[in-house]
Amino acid sequence: MRLHAPELPETVARKLVELVAMVRELDLKKPPSIAESIDWARALLLLGRSDIDAATFNETMSVIVKHRTDIELVAERVGLALA
């Protein structure tokens, strides 16, 4: 992550990696790839986010989760864990 989004604060990068790992543990049609994780990091940078709280996660999770049914599951399991 640090290679592809070096401007991302280390605390945000760590949280992003932890959240992606949580999402990958779920039974999804398409778990997020490394490329989608990098895209998410870049999106957070563009949005100027300095943390991934529940609101930020809900607003941006479609970058890493592509299927509608997966989005609902991830919002329920991971999004609520952040709240």
N, C-alpha and C. Protein backbone atom coordinates (compact mmCIF):
# COMPACT_ATOMS: atom_id res chain seq x y z
N MET A 1 0.83 -1.18 0.00
CA MET A 1 0.00 0.00 0.00
C MET A 1 0.88 1.25 0.00
N ARG A 2 1.92 1.23 0.79
CA ARG A 2 2.80 2.39 0.88
C ARG A 2 3.47 2.70 -0.45
N LEU A 3 3.69 1.67 -1.26
CA LEU A 3 4.32 1.86 -2.58
C LEU A 3 3.40 2.61 -3.55
N HIS A 4 2.13 2.26 -3.52
CA HIS A 4 1.18 2.79 -4.51
C HIS A 4 0.43 4.04 -4.05
N ALA A 5 0.43 4.28 -2.75
CA ALA A 5 -0.23 5.48 -2.22
C ALA A 5 0.61 6.01 -1.06
N PRO A 6 1.83 6.47 -1.37
CA PRO A 6 2.73 6.89 -0.29
C PRO A 6 2.24 8.11 0.49
N GLU A 7 1.35 8.90 -0.08
CA GLU A 7 0.84 10.10 0.60
C GLU A 7 -0.19 9.75 1.67
N LEU A 8 -0.72 8.54 1.62
CA LEU A 8 -1.74 8.12 2.58
C LEU A 8 -1.09 7.99 3.96
N PRO A 9 -1.65 8.64 4.97
CA PRO A 9 -1.08 8.52 6.31
C PRO A 9 -1.00 7.05 6.74
N GLU A 10 0.04 6.72 7.48
CA GLU A 10 0.26 5.32 7.87
C GLU A 10 -0.91 4.74 8.64
N THR A 11 -1.52 5.54 9.51
CA THR A 11 -2.65 5.03 10.28
C THR A 11 -3.83 4.67 9.39
N VAL A 12 -4.05 5.48 8.36
CA VAL A 12 -5.14 5.20 7.42
C VAL A 12 -4.81 3.97 6.58
N ALA A 13 -3.57 3.86 6.15
CA ALA A 13 -3.14 2.70 5.35
C ALA A 13 -3.32 1.41 6.14
N ARG A 14 -2.94 1.44 7.41
CA ARG A 14 -3.11 0.24 8.25
C ARG A 14 -4.58 -0.12 8.41
N LYS A 15 -5.40 0.88 8.66
CA LYS A 15 -6.83 0.64 8.83
C LYS A 15 -7.44 0.11 7.54
N LEU A 16 -7.03 0.66 6.41
CA LEU A 16 -7.52 0.21 5.12
C LEU A 16 -7.19 -1.26 4.92
N VAL A 17 -5.95 -1.64 5.20
CA VAL A 17 -5.53 -3.04 5.03
C VAL A 17 -6.32 -3.95 5.97
N GLU A 18 -6.54 -3.52 7.20
CA GLU A 18 -7.32 -4.31 8.15
C GLU A 18 -8.76 -4.48 7.68
N LEU A 19 -9.35 -3.40 7.18
CA LEU A 19 -10.73 -3.47 6.71
C LEU A 19 -10.86 -4.35 5.47
N VAL A 20 -9.92 -4.25 4.56
CA VAL A 20 -9.95 -5.10 3.37
C VAL A 20 -9.83 -6.57 3.79
N ALA A 21 -8.99 -6.86 4.76
CA ALA A 21 -8.85 -8.23 5.26
C ALA A 21 -10.18 -8.72 5.85
N MET A 22 -10.87 -7.85 6.60
CA MET A 22 -12.18 -8.21 7.15
C MET A 22 -13.19 -8.50 6.03
N VAL A 23 -13.16 -7.67 5.01
CA VAL A 23 -14.09 -7.84 3.88
C VAL A 23 -13.78 -9.15 3.15
N ARG A 24 -12.51 -9.46 2.98
CA ARG A 24 -12.12 -10.69 2.28
C ARG A 24 -12.54 -11.95 3.02
N GLU A 25 -12.72 -11.86 4.33
CA GLU A 25 -13.14 -13.02 5.12
C GLU A 25 -14.61 -13.36 4.90
N LEU A 26 -15.37 -12.42 4.38
CA LEU A 26 -16.79 -12.65 4.14
C LEU A 26 -16.99 -13.49 2.88
N ASP A 27 -18.13 -14.14 2.81
CA ASP A 27 -18.46 -14.98 1.65
C ASP A 27 -19.06 -14.09 0.56
N LEU A 28 -18.18 -13.49 -0.27
CA LEU A 28 -18.61 -12.56 -1.30
C LEU A 28 -18.51 -13.18 -2.69
N LYS A 29 -19.31 -12.64 -3.62
CA LYS A 29 -19.20 -13.07 -5.01
C LYS A 29 -17.83 -12.70 -5.57
N LYS A 30 -17.34 -11.51 -5.20
CA LYS A 30 -16.03 -11.06 -5.67
C LYS A 30 -15.34 -10.30 -4.54
N PRO A 31 -14.43 -10.97 -3.85
CA PRO A 31 -13.68 -10.25 -2.80
C PRO A 31 -12.77 -9.19 -3.42
N PRO A 32 -12.47 -8.15 -2.66
CA PRO A 32 -11.61 -7.09 -3.20
C PRO A 32 -10.20 -7.57 -3.49
N SER A 33 -9.67 -7.12 -4.61
CA SER A 33 -8.31 -7.46 -5.01
C SER A 33 -7.34 -6.40 -4.51
N ILE A 34 -6.08 -6.63 -4.73
CA ILE A 34 -5.06 -5.65 -4.37
C ILE A 34 -5.29 -4.36 -5.16
N ALA A 35 -5.61 -4.49 -6.44
CA ALA A 35 -5.85 -3.31 -7.27
C ALA A 35 -7.00 -2.47 -6.73
N GLU A 36 -8.06 -3.11 -6.28
CA GLU A 36 -9.20 -2.38 -5.72
C GLU A 36 -8.82 -1.72 -4.40
N SER A 37 -7.96 -2.36 -3.64
CA SER A 37 -7.47 -1.77 -2.39
C SER A 37 -6.67 -0.50 -2.67
N ILE A 38 -5.85 -0.56 -3.69
CA ILE A 38 -5.06 0.62 -4.09
C ILE A 38 -5.99 1.72 -4.60
N ASP A 39 -6.98 1.34 -5.38
CA ASP A 39 -7.96 2.32 -5.86
C ASP A 39 -8.67 3.00 -4.68
N TRP A 40 -8.98 2.22 -3.66
CA TRP A 40 -9.65 2.78 -2.49
C TRP A 40 -8.74 3.77 -1.77
N ALA A 41 -7.47 3.41 -1.63
CA ALA A 41 -6.50 4.33 -1.01
C ALA A 41 -6.43 5.64 -1.78
N ARG A 42 -6.37 5.55 -3.08
CA ARG A 42 -6.30 6.76 -3.91
C ARG A 42 -7.58 7.58 -3.82
N ALA A 43 -8.72 6.90 -3.74
CA ALA A 43 -9.99 7.61 -3.58
C ALA A 43 -10.03 8.36 -2.25
N LEU A 44 -9.55 7.72 -1.19
CA LEU A 44 -9.51 8.39 0.11
C LEU A 44 -8.61 9.62 0.06
N LEU A 45 -7.49 9.50 -0.65
CA LEU A 45 -6.60 10.65 -0.81
C LEU A 45 -7.30 11.79 -1.56
N LEU A 46 -7.96 11.45 -2.65
CA LEU A 46 -8.65 12.46 -3.45
C LEU A 46 -9.76 13.15 -2.67
N LEU A 47 -10.39 12.41 -1.79
CA LEU A 47 -11.46 12.97 -0.98
C LEU A 47 -10.93 13.71 0.24
N GLY A 48 -9.62 13.61 0.47
CA GLY A 48 -9.01 14.30 1.60
C GLY A 48 -9.35 13.70 2.94
N ARG A 49 -9.60 12.40 2.99
CA ARG A 49 -9.98 11.74 4.24
C ARG A 49 -8.74 11.38 5.05
N SER A 50 -8.78 11.68 6.34
CA SER A 50 -7.65 11.38 7.21
C SER A 50 -7.96 10.21 8.14
N ASP A 51 -9.13 9.60 7.97
CA ASP A 51 -9.52 8.44 8.76
C ASP A 51 -10.59 7.68 7.98
N ILE A 52 -10.77 6.43 8.34
CA ILE A 52 -11.86 5.65 7.75
C ILE A 52 -12.83 5.37 8.89
N ASP A 53 -13.81 6.24 9.02
CA ASP A 53 -14.85 6.01 10.01
C ASP A 53 -16.03 5.35 9.31
N ALA A 54 -17.09 5.11 10.05
CA ALA A 54 -18.25 4.42 9.48
C ALA A 54 -18.83 5.17 8.29
N ALA A 55 -18.93 6.47 8.38
CA ALA A 55 -19.50 7.26 7.29
C ALA A 55 -18.62 7.19 6.05
N THR A 56 -17.31 7.34 6.22
CA THR A 56 -16.38 7.26 5.09
C THR A 56 -16.44 5.87 4.46
N PHE A 57 -16.49 4.85 5.30
CA PHE A 57 -16.56 3.49 4.79
C PHE A 57 -17.82 3.30 3.95
N ASN A 58 -18.95 3.73 4.48
CA ASN A 58 -20.21 3.56 3.75
C ASN A 58 -20.23 4.34 2.43
N GLU A 59 -19.60 5.51 2.43
CA GLU A 59 -19.57 6.33 1.22
C GLU A 59 -18.63 5.77 0.15
N THR A 60 -17.58 5.05 0.56
CA THR A 60 -16.54 4.66 -0.39
C THR A 60 -16.39 3.16 -0.60
N MET A 61 -17.14 2.34 0.11
CA MET A 61 -16.93 0.90 0.01
C MET A 61 -17.21 0.33 -1.38
N SER A 62 -17.95 1.06 -2.19
CA SER A 62 -18.22 0.56 -3.55
C SER A 62 -16.96 0.51 -4.40
N VAL A 63 -15.90 1.13 -3.94
CA VAL A 63 -14.62 1.05 -4.66
C VAL A 63 -14.04 -0.36 -4.51
N ILE A 64 -14.28 -1.00 -3.37
CA ILE A 64 -13.71 -2.34 -3.15
C ILE A 64 -14.74 -3.45 -3.27
N VAL A 65 -16.02 -3.11 -3.19
CA VAL A 65 -17.08 -4.13 -3.27
C VAL A 65 -17.95 -3.82 -4.48
N LYS A 66 -18.05 -4.77 -5.38
CA LYS A 66 -18.69 -4.49 -6.68
C LYS A 66 -20.13 -4.96 -6.82
N HIS A 67 -20.51 -6.07 -6.19
CA HIS A 67 -21.86 -6.61 -6.36
C HIS A 67 -22.81 -6.06 -5.31
N ARG A 68 -24.03 -5.79 -5.72
CA ARG A 68 -25.05 -5.20 -4.84
C ARG A 68 -25.27 -6.04 -3.58
N THR A 69 -25.39 -7.35 -3.75
CA THR A 69 -25.60 -8.21 -2.58
C THR A 69 -24.38 -8.20 -1.67
N ASP A 70 -23.20 -8.10 -2.25
CA ASP A 70 -21.98 -8.01 -1.45
C ASP A 70 -21.94 -6.70 -0.68
N ILE A 71 -22.36 -5.61 -1.31
CA ILE A 71 -22.36 -4.31 -0.64
C ILE A 71 -23.24 -4.35 0.60
N GLU A 72 -24.40 -4.96 0.48
CA GLU A 72 -25.31 -5.04 1.62
C GLU A 72 -24.69 -5.85 2.76
N LEU A 73 -24.06 -6.97 2.43
CA LEU A 73 -23.43 -7.82 3.44
C LEU A 73 -22.27 -7.09 4.11
N VAL A 74 -21.43 -6.44 3.32
CA VAL A 74 -20.28 -5.73 3.86
C VAL A 74 -20.74 -4.55 4.73
N ALA A 75 -21.74 -3.83 4.29
CA ALA A 75 -22.25 -2.71 5.08
C ALA A 75 -22.78 -3.21 6.42
N GLU A 76 -23.44 -4.33 6.39
CA GLU A 76 -24.01 -4.89 7.61
C GLU A 76 -22.91 -5.39 8.56
N ARG A 77 -21.95 -6.11 8.05
CA ARG A 77 -20.94 -6.74 8.92
C ARG A 77 -19.80 -5.80 9.28
N VAL A 78 -19.20 -5.16 8.28
CA VAL A 78 -18.03 -4.33 8.53
C VAL A 78 -18.44 -2.90 8.88
N GLY A 79 -19.41 -2.37 8.18
CA GLY A 79 -19.86 -1.01 8.45
C GLY A 79 -20.36 -0.84 9.87
N LEU A 80 -21.11 -1.81 10.35
CA LEU A 80 -21.61 -1.72 11.72
C LEU A 80 -20.50 -1.89 12.73
N ALA A 81 -19.48 -2.65 12.39
CA ALA A 81 -18.33 -2.82 13.30
C ALA A 81 -17.59 -1.51 13.50
N LEU A 82 -17.63 -0.64 12.49
CA LEU A 82 -16.96 0.66 12.58
C LEU A 82 -17.79 1.68 13.37
N ALA A 83 -19.09 1.47 13.37
CA ALA A 83 -19.99 2.46 14.01
C ALA A 83 -19.81 2.52 15.52
